[in-house]
Structure formats: C-alpha cells, structure tokens
Amino acid sequence: MSENDINIRAADRYSFLHFGAGIVASKLNIPPLTALTLAILFEIIEPPLKLTFPNYFPHPVADSTINKLTDIGFFMIGFSL
C-alpha cells in the first residue's frame, strides 16, 4: 500500500488505530450504542479537524466514504472483543 492510498482505500494502516480505540471503548464499559455514536461522530468531525489542525494528523487529507465506513466497522469489531 502506497502513501497515496492512505485514507482512500477501504482499509489502511490507521484502521488498526480505530480497531484499538474500539477495544479501549469496550474496556471503559461504554455502552454499545454510545460507542457506535462516538465512532460516527468522530468520522463527521475528522475532516474539519484535519483542516483546522493539519499538523496533528500524519495524513491530513479527507477520507473516502468507504474508508470512513470501514473505520467505523473496525472500531466496532474492536469494541466487540
């Protein structure tokens, strides 16, 4: 996977970060619906955060729709473990 594929393909190296965040949310006993809502909200606020604070993101480019959906899926898979 090339650097140009980050945030474009369904899964990328940051998918594992979402997976790990799901595990953490589960360990914090966050209710499932709340966890799903937080994952979705993050994907909604991520683009403006990347525009406002690009230095905080290794790849401050907009995620593709498929990447956003996959990130939410990875989060919830991690949450379910």
PDB file of N, CA and C in Angstrom:
ATOM      1  N   MET A   1       0.854  -1.175   0.000  1.00  0.00           N
ATOM      2  CA  MET A   1       0.000   0.000   0.000  1.00  0.00           C
ATOM      3  C   MET A   1       0.899   1.237   0.000  1.00  0.00           C
ATOM      4  N   SER A   2       0.644   2.137  -0.914  1.00  0.00           N
ATOM      5  CA  SER A   2       1.460   3.339  -1.015  1.00  0.00           C
ATOM      6  C   SER A   2       0.907   4.442  -0.122  1.00  0.00           C
ATOM      7  N   GLU A   3       1.711   5.470   0.066  1.00  0.00           N
ATOM      8  CA  GLU A   3       1.287   6.622   0.858  1.00  0.00           C
ATOM      9  C   GLU A   3       0.053   7.283   0.244  1.00  0.00           C
ATOM     10  N   ASN A   4      -0.112   7.173  -1.075  1.00  0.00           N
ATOM     11  CA  ASN A   4      -1.251   7.785  -1.749  1.00  0.00           C
ATOM     12  C   ASN A   4      -2.557   7.058  -1.463  1.00  0.00           C
ATOM     13  N   ASP A   5      -2.475   5.847  -0.931  1.00  0.00           N
ATOM     14  CA  ASP A   5      -3.670   5.065  -0.632  1.00  0.00           C
ATOM     15  C   ASP A   5      -4.240   5.351   0.756  1.00  0.00           C
ATOM     16  N   ILE A   6      -3.466   6.047   1.591  1.00  0.00           N
ATOM     17  CA  ILE A   6      -3.914   6.341   2.947  1.00  0.00           C
ATOM     18  C   ILE A   6      -5.190   7.177   2.870  1.00  0.00           C
ATOM     19  N   ASN A   7      -6.197   6.802   3.609  1.00  0.00           N
ATOM     20  CA  ASN A   7      -7.493   7.466   3.703  1.00  0.00           C
ATOM     21  C   ASN A   7      -8.350   7.303   2.453  1.00  0.00           C
ATOM     22  N   ILE A   8      -7.884   6.542   1.460  1.00  0.00           N
ATOM     23  CA  ILE A   8      -8.640   6.364   0.226  1.00  0.00           C
ATOM     24  C   ILE A   8      -9.213   4.949   0.156  1.00  0.00           C
ATOM     25  N   ARG A   9      -8.368   3.952   0.335  1.00  0.00           N
ATOM     26  CA  ARG A   9      -8.827   2.562   0.282  1.00  0.00           C
ATOM     27  C   ARG A   9      -9.705   2.245   1.487  1.00  0.00           C
ATOM     28  N   ALA A  10     -10.411   1.138   1.383  1.00  0.00           N
ATOM     29  CA  ALA A  10     -11.308   0.743   2.478  1.00  0.00           C
ATOM     30  C   ALA A  10     -10.558   0.624   3.799  1.00  0.00           C
ATOM     31  N   ALA A  11      -9.423  -0.044   3.778  1.00  0.00           N
ATOM     32  CA  ALA A  11      -8.622  -0.213   4.992  1.00  0.00           C
ATOM     33  C   ALA A  11      -7.216   0.315   4.729  1.00  0.00           C
ATOM     34  N   ASP A  12      -6.640   0.912   5.732  1.00  0.00           N
ATOM     35  CA  ASP A  12      -5.265   1.388   5.645  1.00  0.00           C
ATOM     36  C   ASP A  12      -4.601   1.178   7.000  1.00  0.00           C
ATOM     37  N   ARG A  13      -3.389   1.653   7.150  1.00  0.00           N
ATOM     38  CA  ARG A  13      -2.690   1.381   8.414  1.00  0.00           C
ATOM     39  C   ARG A  13      -3.379   2.014   9.619  1.00  0.00           C
ATOM     40  N   TYR A  14      -4.196   3.031   9.391  1.00  0.00           N
ATOM     41  CA  TYR A  14      -4.889   3.670  10.507  1.00  0.00           C
ATOM     42  C   TYR A  14      -6.158   2.916  10.914  1.00  0.00           C
ATOM     43  N   SER A  15      -6.543   1.938  10.126  1.00  0.00           N
ATOM     44  CA  SER A  15      -7.681   1.102  10.502  1.00  0.00           C
ATOM     45  C   SER A  15      -7.403   0.406  11.840  1.00  0.00           C
ATOM     46  N   PHE A  16      -6.150   0.047  12.059  1.00  0.00           N
ATOM     47  CA  PHE A  16      -5.780  -0.603  13.316  1.00  0.00           C
ATOM     48  C   PHE A  16      -5.926   0.338  14.504  1.00  0.00           C
ATOM     49  N   LEU A  17      -5.752   1.630  14.271  1.00  0.00           N
ATOM     50  CA  LEU A  17      -5.951   2.616  15.328  1.00  0.00           C
ATOM     51  C   LEU A  17      -7.427   2.646  15.734  1.00  0.00           C
ATOM     52  N   HIS A  18      -8.323   2.605  14.757  1.00  0.00           N
ATOM     53  CA  HIS A  18      -9.758   2.570  15.047  1.00  0.00           C
ATOM     54  C   HIS A  18     -10.124   1.279  15.769  1.00  0.00           C
ATOM     55  N   PHE A  19      -9.530   0.173  15.337  1.00  0.00           N
ATOM     56  CA  PHE A  19      -9.740  -1.112  15.992  1.00  0.00           C
ATOM     57  C   PHE A  19      -9.331  -1.017  17.466  1.00  0.00           C
ATOM     58  N   GLY A  20      -8.163  -0.468  17.731  1.00  0.00           N
ATOM     59  CA  GLY A  20      -7.673  -0.313  19.102  1.00  0.00           C
ATOM     60  C   GLY A  20      -8.541   0.614  19.919  1.00  0.00           C
ATOM     61  N   ALA A  21      -9.030   1.684  19.292  1.00  0.00           N
ATOM     62  CA  ALA A  21      -9.919   2.611  20.005  1.00  0.00           C
ATOM     63  C   ALA A  21     -11.203   1.903  20.415  1.00  0.00           C
ATOM     64  N   GLY A  22     -11.683   0.988  19.567  1.00  0.00           N
ATOM     65  CA  GLY A  22     -12.862   0.209  19.922  1.00  0.00           C
ATOM     66  C   GLY A  22     -12.616  -0.681  21.125  1.00  0.00           C
ATOM     67  N   ILE A  23     -11.444  -1.287  21.177  1.00  0.00           N
ATOM     68  CA  ILE A  23     -11.082  -2.122  22.331  1.00  0.00           C
ATOM     69  C   ILE A  23     -11.055  -1.270  23.604  1.00  0.00           C
ATOM     70  N   VAL A  24     -10.442  -0.092  23.502  1.00  0.00           N
ATOM     71  CA  VAL A  24     -10.369   0.802  24.664  1.00  0.00           C
ATOM     72  C   VAL A  24     -11.774   1.211  25.104  1.00  0.00           C
ATOM     73  N   ALA A  25     -12.632   1.564  24.154  1.00  0.00           N
ATOM     74  CA  ALA A  25     -14.004   1.957  24.496  1.00  0.00           C
ATOM     75  C   ALA A  25     -14.724   0.821  25.222  1.00  0.00           C
ATOM     76  N   SER A  26     -14.505  -0.394  24.774  1.00  0.00           N
ATOM     77  CA  SER A  26     -15.118  -1.552  25.418  1.00  0.00           C
ATOM     78  C   SER A  26     -14.606  -1.720  26.844  1.00  0.00           C
ATOM     79  N   LYS A  27     -13.300  -1.584  27.010  1.00  0.00           N
ATOM     80  CA  LYS A  27     -12.700  -1.747  28.346  1.00  0.00           C
ATOM     81  C   LYS A  27     -13.169  -0.650  29.298  1.00  0.00           C
ATOM     82  N   LEU A  28     -13.562   0.501  28.738  1.00  0.00           N
ATOM     83  CA  LEU A  28     -14.089   1.594  29.559  1.00  0.00           C
ATOM     84  C   LEU A  28     -15.581   1.427  29.844  1.00  0.00           C
ATOM     85  N   ASN A  29     -16.130   0.291  29.405  1.00  0.00           N
ATOM     86  CA  ASN A  29     -17.545  -0.029  29.626  1.00  0.00           C
ATOM     87  C   ASN A  29     -18.498   1.005  29.031  1.00  0.00           C
ATOM     88  N   ILE A  30     -18.121   1.572  27.897  1.00  0.00           N
ATOM     89  CA  ILE A  30     -19.007   2.476  27.180  1.00  0.00           C
ATOM     90  C   ILE A  30     -20.111   1.628  26.547  1.00  0.00           C
ATOM     91  N   PRO A  31     -21.358   2.013  26.702  1.00  0.00           N
ATOM     92  CA  PRO A  31     -22.441   1.227  26.111  1.00  0.00           C
ATOM     93  C   PRO A  31     -22.298   1.143  24.578  1.00  0.00           C
ATOM     94  N   PRO A  32     -22.704   0.022  23.992  1.00  0.00           N
ATOM     95  CA  PRO A  32     -22.516  -0.175  22.547  1.00  0.00           C
ATOM     96  C   PRO A  32     -23.079   0.938  21.665  1.00  0.00           C
ATOM     97  N   LEU A  33     -24.294   1.394  21.943  1.00  0.00           N
ATOM     98  CA  LEU A  33     -24.878   2.450  21.115  1.00  0.00           C
ATOM     99  C   LEU A  33     -24.107   3.755  21.252  1.00  0.00           C
ATOM    100  N   THR A  34     -23.637   4.040  22.441  1.00  0.00           N
ATOM    101  CA  THR A  34     -22.818   5.237  22.659  1.00  0.00           C
ATOM    102  C   THR A  34     -21.498   5.111  21.919  1.00  0.00           C
ATOM    103  N   ALA A  35     -20.893   3.934  21.963  1.00  0.00           N
ATOM    104  CA  ALA A  35     -19.625   3.704  21.261  1.00  0.00           C
ATOM    105  C   ALA A  35     -19.804   3.899  19.756  1.00  0.00           C
ATOM    106  N   LEU A  36     -20.866   3.338  19.205  1.00  0.00           N
ATOM    107  CA  LEU A  36     -21.140   3.494  17.780  1.00  0.00           C
ATOM    108  C   LEU A  36     -21.362   4.965  17.438  1.00  0.00           C
ATOM    109  N   THR A  37     -22.106   5.653  18.268  1.00  0.00           N
ATOM    110  CA  THR A  37     -22.362   7.077  18.046  1.00  0.00           C
ATOM    111  C   THR A  37     -21.064   7.873  18.071  1.00  0.00           C
ATOM    112  N   LEU A  38     -20.190   7.568  19.017  1.00  0.00           N
ATOM    113  CA  LEU A  38     -18.900   8.269  19.096  1.00  0.00           C
ATOM    114  C   LEU A  38     -18.039   8.000  17.857  1.00  0.00           C
ATOM    115  N   ALA A  39     -18.054   6.758  17.381  1.00  0.00           N
ATOM    116  CA  ALA A  39     -17.276   6.425  16.186  1.00  0.00           C
ATOM    117  C   ALA A  39     -17.797   7.188  14.974  1.00  0.00           C
ATOM    118  N   ILE A  40     -19.101   7.273  14.846  1.00  0.00           N
ATOM    119  CA  ILE A  40     -19.701   8.013  13.731  1.00  0.00           C
ATOM    120  C   ILE A  40     -19.415   9.502  13.867  1.00  0.00           C
ATOM    121  N   LEU A  41     -19.581  10.040  15.065  1.00  0.00           N
ATOM    122  CA  LEU A  41     -19.306  11.469  15.275  1.00  0.00           C
ATOM    123  C   LEU A  41     -17.854  11.812  14.970  1.00  0.00           C
ATOM    124  N   PHE A  42     -16.938  10.934  15.339  1.00  0.00           N
ATOM    125  CA  PHE A  42     -15.539  11.202  15.027  1.00  0.00           C
ATOM    126  C   PHE A  42     -15.338  11.315  13.523  1.00  0.00           C
ATOM    127  N   GLU A  43     -15.944  10.413  12.767  1.00  0.00           N
ATOM    128  CA  GLU A  43     -15.796  10.453  11.314  1.00  0.00           C
ATOM    129  C   GLU A  43     -16.412  11.720  10.724  1.00  0.00           C
ATOM    130  N   ILE A  44     -17.425  12.275  11.391  1.00  0.00           N
ATOM    131  CA  ILE A  44     -18.044  13.519  10.928  1.00  0.00           C
ATOM    132  C   ILE A  44     -17.168  14.724  11.239  1.00  0.00           C
ATOM    133  N   ILE A  45     -16.575  14.752  12.439  1.00  0.00           N
ATOM    134  CA  ILE A  45     -15.775  15.929  12.812  1.00  0.00           C
ATOM    135  C   ILE A  45     -14.318  15.831  12.355  1.00  0.00           C
ATOM    136  N   GLU A  46     -13.882  14.657  11.916  1.00  0.00           N
ATOM    137  CA  GLU A  46     -12.491  14.491  11.497  1.00  0.00           C
ATOM    138  C   GLU A  46     -12.097  15.419  10.347  1.00  0.00           C
ATOM    139  N   PRO A  47     -12.910  15.571   9.280  1.00  0.00           N
ATOM    140  CA  PRO A  47     -12.485  16.467   8.185  1.00  0.00           C
ATOM    141  C   PRO A  47     -12.236  17.914   8.613  1.00  0.00           C
ATOM    142  N   PRO A  48     -13.158  18.535   9.392  1.00  0.00           N
ATOM    143  CA  PRO A  48     -12.842  19.900   9.823  1.00  0.00           C
ATOM    144  C   PRO A  48     -11.637  19.974  10.767  1.00  0.00           C
ATOM    145  N   LEU A  49     -11.441  18.917  11.572  1.00  0.00           N
ATOM    146  CA  LEU A  49     -10.254  18.894  12.435  1.00  0.00           C
ATOM    147  C   LEU A  49      -8.976  18.845  11.597  1.00  0.00           C
ATOM    148  N   LYS A  50      -9.002  18.056  10.523  1.00  0.00           N
ATOM    149  CA  LYS A  50      -7.830  17.972   9.639  1.00  0.00           C
ATOM    150  C   LYS A  50      -7.543  19.300   8.964  1.00  0.00           C
ATOM    151  N   LEU A  51      -8.598  20.039   8.626  1.00  0.00           N
ATOM    152  CA  LEU A  51      -8.401  21.355   8.011  1.00  0.00           C
ATOM    153  C   LEU A  51      -7.887  22.380   9.012  1.00  0.00           C
ATOM    154  N   THR A  52      -8.406  22.308  10.227  1.00  0.00           N
ATOM    155  CA  THR A  52      -8.041  23.286  11.255  1.00  0.00           C
ATOM    156  C   THR A  52      -6.689  22.984  11.893  1.00  0.00           C
ATOM    157  N   PHE A  53      -6.402  21.716  12.109  1.00  0.00           N
ATOM    158  CA  PHE A  53      -5.172  21.300  12.788  1.00  0.00           C
ATOM    159  C   PHE A  53      -4.402  20.273  11.963  1.00  0.00           C
ATOM    160  N   PRO A  54      -3.979  20.613  10.762  1.00  0.00           N
ATOM    161  CA  PRO A  54      -3.326  19.619   9.897  1.00  0.00           C
ATOM    162  C   PRO A  54      -2.042  19.037  10.485  1.00  0.00           C
ATOM    163  N   ASN A  55      -1.370  19.789  11.335  1.00  0.00           N
ATOM    164  CA  ASN A  55      -0.111  19.296  11.917  1.00  0.00           C
ATOM    165  C   ASN A  55      -0.319  18.153  12.899  1.00  0.00           C
ATOM    166  N   TYR A  56      -1.546  17.955  13.355  1.00  0.00           N
ATOM    167  CA  TYR A  56      -1.835  16.879  14.301  1.00  0.00           C
ATOM    168  C   TYR A  56      -2.172  15.564  13.611  1.00  0.00           C
ATOM    169  N   PHE A  57      -2.260  15.589  12.285  1.00  0.00           N
ATOM    170  CA  PHE A  57      -2.615  14.400  11.517  1.00  0.00           C
ATOM    171  C   PHE A  57      -1.486  14.046  10.560  1.00  0.00           C
ATOM    172  N   PRO A  58      -1.029  12.805  10.575  1.00  0.00           N
ATOM    173  CA  PRO A  58       0.050  12.403   9.669  1.00  0.00           C
ATOM    174  C   PRO A  58      -0.346  12.528   8.194  1.00  0.00           C
ATOM    175  N   HIS A  59      -1.630  12.360   7.894  1.00  0.00           N
ATOM    176  CA  HIS A  59      -2.143  12.471   6.518  1.00  0.00           C
ATOM    177  C   HIS A  59      -3.420  13.306   6.565  1.00  0.00           C
ATOM    178  N   PRO A  60      -3.283  14.636   6.565  1.00  0.00           N
ATOM    179  CA  PRO A  60      -4.469  15.490   6.720  1.00  0.00           C
ATOM    180  C   PRO A  60      -5.272  15.672   5.429  1.00  0.00           C
ATOM    181  N   VAL A  61      -5.573  14.573   4.780  1.00  0.00           N
ATOM    182  CA  VAL A  61      -6.432  14.622   3.595  1.00  0.00           C
ATOM    183  C   VAL A  61      -7.761  13.961   3.945  1.00  0.00           C
ATOM    184  N   ALA A  62      -8.794  14.340   3.227  1.00  0.00           N
ATOM    185  CA  ALA A  62     -10.131  13.822   3.507  1.00  0.00           C
ATOM    186  C   ALA A  62     -10.184  12.312   3.276  1.00  0.00           C
ATOM    187  N   ASP A  63     -10.884  11.625   4.147  1.00  0.00           N
ATOM    188  CA  ASP A  63     -11.092  10.186   4.000  1.00  0.00           C
ATOM    189  C   ASP A  63     -12.164   9.940   2.940  1.00  0.00           C
ATOM    190  N   SER A  64     -12.014   8.867   2.210  1.00  0.00           N
ATOM    191  CA  SER A  64     -13.072   8.467   1.284  1.00  0.00           C
ATOM    192  C   SER A  64     -14.238   7.921   2.097  1.00  0.00           C
ATOM    193  N   THR A  65     -15.390   7.871   1.479  1.00  0.00           N
ATOM    194  CA  THR A  65     -16.573   7.341   2.170  1.00  0.00           C
ATOM    195  C   THR A  65     -16.350   5.900   2.604  1.00  0.00           C
ATOM    196  N   ILE A  66     -15.777   5.092   1.731  1.00  0.00           N
ATOM    197  CA  ILE A  66     -15.541   3.682   2.080  1.00  0.00           C
ATOM    198  C   ILE A  66     -14.558   3.576   3.239  1.00  0.00           C
ATOM    199  N   ASN A  67     -13.578   4.465   3.303  1.00  0.00           N
ATOM    200  CA  ASN A  67     -12.621   4.449   4.404  1.00  0.00           C
ATOM    201  C   ASN A  67     -13.304   4.826   5.714  1.00  0.00           C
ATOM    202  N   LYS A  68     -14.181   5.804   5.679  1.00  0.00           N
ATOM    203  CA  LYS A  68     -14.914   6.203   6.886  1.00  0.00           C
ATOM    204  C   LYS A  68     -15.768   5.050   7.405  1.00  0.00           C
ATOM    205  N   LEU A  69     -16.482   4.400   6.497  1.00  0.00           N
ATOM    206  CA  LEU A  69     -17.344   3.292   6.906  1.00  0.00           C
ATOM    207  C   LEU A  69     -16.531   2.126   7.462  1.00  0.00           C
ATOM    208  N   THR A  70     -15.400   1.856   6.827  1.00  0.00           N
ATOM    209  CA  THR A  70     -14.538   0.776   7.302  1.00  0.00           C
ATOM    210  C   THR A  70     -13.943   1.114   8.660  1.00  0.00           C
ATOM    211  N   ASP A  71     -13.571   2.379   8.856  1.00  0.00           N
ATOM    212  CA  ASP A  71     -13.037   2.797  10.158  1.00  0.00           C
ATOM    213  C   ASP A  71     -14.064   2.557  11.263  1.00  0.00           C
ATOM    214  N   ILE A  72     -15.318   2.881  10.983  1.00  0.00           N
ATOM    215  CA  ILE A  72     -16.379   2.637  11.967  1.00  0.00           C
ATOM    216  C   ILE A  72     -16.520   1.135  12.213  1.00  0.00           C
ATOM    217  N   GLY A  73     -16.445   0.363  11.149  1.00  0.00           N
ATOM    218  CA  GLY A  73     -16.524  -1.090  11.290  1.00  0.00           C
ATOM    219  C   GLY A  73     -15.387  -1.658  12.120  1.00  0.00           C
ATOM    220  N   PHE A  74     -14.159  -1.199  11.849  1.00  0.00           N
ATOM    221  CA  PHE A  74     -13.018  -1.661  12.640  1.00  0.00           C
ATOM    222  C   PHE A  74     -13.181  -1.275  14.104  1.00  0.00           C
ATOM    223  N   PHE A  75     -13.678  -0.079  14.357  1.00  0.00           N
ATOM    224  CA  PHE A  75     -13.924   0.359  15.738  1.00  0.00           C
ATOM    225  C   PHE A  75     -14.885  -0.607  16.427  1.00  0.00           C
ATOM    226  N   MET A  76     -15.994  -0.920  15.760  1.00  0.00           N
ATOM    227  CA  MET A  76     -16.998  -1.767  16.383  1.00  0.00           C
ATOM    228  C   MET A  76     -16.520  -3.217  16.511  1.00  0.00           C
ATOM    229  N   ILE A  77     -15.691  -3.686  15.591  1.00  0.00           N
ATOM    230  CA  ILE A  77     -15.124  -5.022  15.757  1.00  0.00           C
ATOM    231  C   ILE A  77     -14.223  -5.060  16.984  1.00  0.00           C
ATOM    232  N   GLY A  78     -13.379  -4.040  17.124  1.00  0.00           N
ATOM    233  CA  GLY A  78     -12.546  -3.955  18.321  1.00  0.00           C
ATOM    234  C   GLY A  78     -13.394  -3.861  19.577  1.00  0.00           C
ATOM    235  N   PHE A  79     -14.467  -3.108  19.496  1.00  0.00           N
ATOM    236  CA  PHE A  79     -15.369  -2.954  20.648  1.00  0.00           C
ATOM    237  C   PHE A  79     -15.987  -4.292  21.048  1.00  0.00           C
ATOM    238  N   SER A  80     -16.275  -5.127  20.057  1.00  0.00           N
ATOM    239  CA  SER A  80     -16.976  -6.378  20.346  1.00  0.00           C
ATOM    240  C   SER A  80     -16.094  -7.449  20.958  1.00  0.00           C
ATOM    241  N   LEU A  81     -14.780  -7.256  20.971  1.00  0.00           N
ATOM    242  CA  LEU A  81     -13.886  -8.279  21.533  1.00  0.00           C
ATOM    243  C   LEU A  81     -13.899  -8.278  23.041  1.00  0.00           C
TER     244      LEU A  81
END
